[in-house]
Amino acid sequence: MKAVPGSRWSYSNLGYVVIQQILEDVCGMPFDRIAREIVFQPLGMTCSTFSHPLKSDFRDREAMPHDEAGAACEPSMRSNAVAQGGLMATPTDLARFAIELMFAWQGKSDWVLSREMVRLMFSKELDLDPRM
């Protein structure tokens, strides 16, 4: 054991992969569809996806990686585990989500998350050393 649970912070991609698998098992559908039906569509986030490779209607807007010489390369995101960092979205869609969180915080909306859930999301779990 590296540390007593709750005594220090440690990010874990694997935790998000487990959450993704639980959601897919419980809902009986792929994570991208869950996100689309529960979050993206209700908020009007029409340019967001967890689907990889991107579908043709999103490909023309994809930011491409470049090699050392500046030549564009094919994206390498090809994993089925996408909850930990596979979101592809426009700044406008991310702003829609941020606005929804602010409305939920104020108790003005519960389309995606309740006020209580948003307050939990933004509450401090433990004090972190700023040098981490």
C-alpha atoms as a PDB file:
ATOM      1  CA  MET A   1       0.000   0.000   0.000  1.00  0.00           C
ATOM      2  CA  LYS A   2       1.364   3.417  -0.980  1.00  0.00           C
ATOM      3  CA  ALA A   3      -0.827   5.458   1.370  1.00  0.00           C
ATOM      4  CA  VAL A   4      -3.830   5.253   3.651  1.00  0.00           C
ATOM      5  CA  PRO A   5      -6.997   5.855   1.589  1.00  0.00           C
ATOM      6  CA  GLY A   6      -8.088   9.479   1.828  1.00  0.00           C
ATOM      7  CA  SER A   7      -4.690  10.672   3.069  1.00  0.00           C
ATOM      8  CA  ARG A   8      -3.335  11.843  -0.264  1.00  0.00           C
ATOM      9  CA  TRP A   9      -4.469  12.454  -3.813  1.00  0.00           C
ATOM     10  CA  SER A  10      -3.572  10.218  -6.738  1.00  0.00           C
ATOM     11  CA  TYR A  11      -5.160  10.381 -10.178  1.00  0.00           C
ATOM     12  CA  SER A  12      -6.176   7.078 -11.707  1.00  0.00           C
ATOM     13  CA  ASN A  13      -7.220   6.586 -15.335  1.00  0.00           C
ATOM     14  CA  LEU A  14      -8.229   3.069 -14.377  1.00  0.00           C
ATOM     15  CA  GLY A  15     -10.913   4.405 -12.028  1.00  0.00           C
ATOM     16  CA  TYR A  16     -12.627   6.133 -14.959  1.00  0.00           C
ATOM     17  CA  VAL A  17     -12.363   2.972 -17.053  1.00  0.00           C
ATOM     18  CA  VAL A  18     -14.145   1.057 -14.283  1.00  0.00           C
ATOM     19  CA  ILE A  19     -16.866   3.744 -14.065  1.00  0.00           C
ATOM     20  CA  GLN A  20     -17.285   3.584 -17.858  1.00  0.00           C
ATOM     21  CA  GLN A  21     -17.673  -0.208 -17.767  1.00  0.00           C
ATOM     22  CA  ILE A  22     -20.215  -0.044 -14.930  1.00  0.00           C
ATOM     23  CA  LEU A  23     -22.275   2.537 -16.843  1.00  0.00           C
ATOM     24  CA  GLU A  24     -22.157   0.448 -20.027  1.00  0.00           C
ATOM     25  CA  ASP A  25     -23.181  -2.711 -18.147  1.00  0.00           C
ATOM     26  CA  VAL A  26     -26.029  -1.039 -16.244  1.00  0.00           C
ATOM     27  CA  CYS A  27     -27.362   0.962 -19.203  1.00  0.00           C
ATOM     28  CA  GLY A  28     -26.745  -1.757 -21.805  1.00  0.00           C
ATOM     29  CA  MET A  29     -25.260   0.651 -24.336  1.00  0.00           C
ATOM     30  CA  PRO A  30     -21.862   2.085 -25.343  1.00  0.00           C
ATOM     31  CA  PHE A  31     -20.462   4.986 -23.302  1.00  0.00           C
ATOM     32  CA  ASP A  32     -20.664   7.399 -26.250  1.00  0.00           C
ATOM     33  CA  ARG A  33     -24.396   6.770 -26.586  1.00  0.00           C
ATOM     34  CA  ILE A  34     -24.931   7.203 -22.824  1.00  0.00           C
ATOM     35  CA  ALA A  35     -23.118  10.559 -22.914  1.00  0.00           C
ATOM     36  CA  ARG A  36     -24.986  11.633 -26.051  1.00  0.00           C
ATOM     37  CA  GLU A  37     -28.459  10.777 -24.700  1.00  0.00           C
ATOM     38  CA  ILE A  38     -28.002  11.913 -21.094  1.00  0.00           C
ATOM     39  CA  VAL A  39     -25.666  14.903 -21.446  1.00  0.00           C
ATOM     40  CA  PHE A  40     -24.954  16.088 -24.983  1.00  0.00           C
ATOM     41  CA  GLN A  41     -28.460  16.098 -26.517  1.00  0.00           C
ATOM     42  CA  PRO A  42     -30.280  17.713 -23.556  1.00  0.00           C
ATOM     43  CA  LEU A  43     -27.668  20.494 -23.431  1.00  0.00           C
ATOM     44  CA  GLY A  44     -27.526  21.028 -27.209  1.00  0.00           C
ATOM     45  CA  MET A  45     -23.899  19.837 -27.368  1.00  0.00           C
ATOM     46  CA  THR A  46     -24.021  18.875 -31.050  1.00  0.00           C
ATOM     47  CA  CYS A  47     -20.237  18.794 -31.566  1.00  0.00           C
ATOM     48  CA  SER A  48     -19.206  16.456 -28.740  1.00  0.00           C
ATOM     49  CA  THR A  49     -18.434  12.746 -28.840  1.00  0.00           C
ATOM     50  CA  PHE A  50     -16.579   9.907 -27.168  1.00  0.00           C
ATOM     51  CA  SER A  51     -16.704   7.883 -30.418  1.00  0.00           C
ATOM     52  CA  HIS A  52     -13.316   7.020 -31.962  1.00  0.00           C
ATOM     53  CA  PRO A  53     -12.331   7.124 -34.723  1.00  0.00           C
ATOM     54  CA  LEU A  54     -14.438  10.187 -35.377  1.00  0.00           C
ATOM     55  CA  LYS A  55     -17.417   9.876 -37.665  1.00  0.00           C
ATOM     56  CA  SER A  56     -17.172  11.654 -41.028  1.00  0.00           C
ATOM     57  CA  ASP A  57     -19.241  14.685 -39.950  1.00  0.00           C
ATOM     58  CA  PHE A  58     -16.682  15.420 -37.192  1.00  0.00           C
ATOM     59  CA  ARG A  59     -13.474  14.486 -39.085  1.00  0.00           C
ATOM     60  CA  ASP A  60     -13.185  17.781 -40.985  1.00  0.00           C
ATOM     61  CA  ARG A  61     -13.080  19.686 -37.666  1.00  0.00           C
ATOM     62  CA  GLU A  62     -10.604  17.409 -35.862  1.00  0.00           C
ATOM     63  CA  ALA A  63      -7.342  18.945 -34.666  1.00  0.00           C
ATOM     64  CA  MET A  64      -4.616  16.697 -36.020  1.00  0.00           C
ATOM     65  CA  PRO A  65      -1.368  15.829 -34.257  1.00  0.00           C
ATOM     66  CA  HIS A  66       1.875  16.842 -35.995  1.00  0.00           C
ATOM     67  CA  ASP A  67       5.328  15.280 -36.011  1.00  0.00           C
ATOM     68  CA  GLU A  68       8.631  17.031 -35.283  1.00  0.00           C
ATOM     69  CA  ALA A  69       8.830  18.303 -38.873  1.00  0.00           C
ATOM     70  CA  GLY A  70       5.353  19.829 -38.702  1.00  0.00           C
ATOM     71  CA  ALA A  71       3.621  17.242 -40.903  1.00  0.00           C
ATOM     72  CA  ALA A  72       0.096  16.217 -39.924  1.00  0.00           C
ATOM     73  CA  CYS A  73      -0.280  12.646 -38.627  1.00  0.00           C
ATOM     74  CA  GLU A  74      -3.243  10.385 -38.066  1.00  0.00           C
ATOM     75  CA  PRO A  75      -4.705  10.605 -34.530  1.00  0.00           C
ATOM     76  CA  SER A  76      -3.736   7.705 -32.309  1.00  0.00           C
ATOM     77  CA  MET A  77      -6.801   7.611 -30.005  1.00  0.00           C
ATOM     78  CA  ARG A  78      -8.198   4.187 -30.791  1.00  0.00           C
ATOM     79  CA  SER A  79      -9.089   2.734 -27.390  1.00  0.00           C
ATOM     80  CA  ASN A  80     -12.506   1.589 -26.246  1.00  0.00           C
ATOM     81  CA  ALA A  81     -11.699   3.063 -22.817  1.00  0.00           C
ATOM     82  CA  VAL A  82     -12.622   6.703 -23.433  1.00  0.00           C
ATOM     83  CA  ALA A  83     -14.151   8.020 -20.189  1.00  0.00           C
ATOM     84  CA  GLN A  84     -10.752   9.034 -18.804  1.00  0.00           C
ATOM     85  CA  GLY A  85      -9.830  11.399 -21.623  1.00  0.00           C
ATOM     86  CA  GLY A  86     -11.539  10.568 -24.891  1.00  0.00           C
ATOM     87  CA  LEU A  87     -13.948  13.483 -25.102  1.00  0.00           C
ATOM     88  CA  MET A  88     -13.760  15.395 -28.362  1.00  0.00           C
ATOM     89  CA  ALA A  89     -15.685  18.675 -28.147  1.00  0.00           C
ATOM     90  CA  THR A  90     -15.722  22.233 -29.391  1.00  0.00           C
ATOM     91  CA  PRO A  91     -15.167  25.187 -27.046  1.00  0.00           C
ATOM     92  CA  THR A  92     -18.827  26.119 -27.562  1.00  0.00           C
ATOM     93  CA  ASP A  93     -20.006  22.710 -26.346  1.00  0.00           C
ATOM     94  CA  LEU A  94     -17.668  22.835 -23.345  1.00  0.00           C
ATOM     95  CA  ALA A  95     -19.090  26.275 -22.514  1.00  0.00           C
ATOM     96  CA  ARG A  96     -22.636  24.851 -22.682  1.00  0.00           C
ATOM     97  CA  PHE A  97     -21.640  22.204 -20.134  1.00  0.00           C
ATOM     98  CA  ALA A  98     -19.938  24.776 -17.867  1.00  0.00           C
ATOM     99  CA  ILE A  99     -23.026  27.002 -17.992  1.00  0.00           C
ATOM    100  CA  GLU A 100     -25.216  24.033 -17.073  1.00  0.00           C
ATOM    101  CA  LEU A 101     -22.982  23.332 -14.055  1.00  0.00           C
ATOM    102  CA  MET A 102     -23.318  26.971 -12.964  1.00  0.00           C
ATOM    103  CA  PHE A 103     -27.111  26.850 -13.342  1.00  0.00           C
ATOM    104  CA  ALA A 104     -27.267  23.589 -11.370  1.00  0.00           C
ATOM    105  CA  TRP A 105     -25.040  25.105  -8.642  1.00  0.00           C
ATOM    106  CA  GLN A 106     -27.549  27.966  -8.362  1.00  0.00           C
ATOM    107  CA  GLY A 107     -30.503  25.553  -8.283  1.00  0.00           C
ATOM    108  CA  LYS A 108     -31.789  26.878 -11.623  1.00  0.00           C
ATOM    109  CA  SER A 109     -31.431  23.616 -13.565  1.00  0.00           C
ATOM    110  CA  ASP A 110     -31.332  19.875 -13.025  1.00  0.00           C
ATOM    111  CA  TRP A 111     -31.257  18.697 -16.660  1.00  0.00           C
ATOM    112  CA  VAL A 112     -28.059  16.721 -16.196  1.00  0.00           C
ATOM    113  CA  LEU A 113     -26.988  17.006 -12.557  1.00  0.00           C
ATOM    114  CA  SER A 114     -28.846  17.990  -9.422  1.00  0.00           C
ATOM    115  CA  ARG A 115     -27.757  20.926  -7.296  1.00  0.00           C
ATOM    116  CA  GLU A 116     -26.591  18.489  -4.606  1.00  0.00           C
ATOM    117  CA  MET A 117     -24.455  16.525  -7.083  1.00  0.00           C
ATOM    118  CA  VAL A 118     -22.783  19.672  -8.452  1.00  0.00           C
ATOM    119  CA  ARG A 119     -22.068  20.883  -4.928  1.00  0.00           C
ATOM    120  CA  LEU A 120     -20.428  17.536  -4.166  1.00  0.00           C
ATOM    121  CA  MET A 121     -18.401  17.760  -7.387  1.00  0.00           C
ATOM    122  CA  PHE A 122     -17.033  21.155  -6.360  1.00  0.00           C
ATOM    123  CA  SER A 123     -16.436  20.386  -2.688  1.00  0.00           C
ATOM    124  CA  LYS A 124     -12.924  19.799  -1.425  1.00  0.00           C
ATOM    125  CA  GLU A 125     -12.154  16.205  -0.504  1.00  0.00           C
ATOM    126  CA  LEU A 126      -8.770  16.864   1.081  1.00  0.00           C
ATOM    127  CA  ASP A 127      -6.123  19.551   1.259  1.00  0.00           C
ATOM    128  CA  LEU A 128      -3.519  19.140  -1.475  1.00  0.00           C
ATOM    129  CA  ASP A 129      -0.001  20.433  -1.381  1.00  0.00           C
ATOM    130  CA  PRO A 130       0.094  23.065  -4.187  1.00  0.00           C
ATOM    131  CA  ARG A 131       3.549  21.759  -5.184  1.00  0.00           C
ATOM    132  CA  MET A 132       2.030  18.428  -6.320  1.00  0.00           C
END
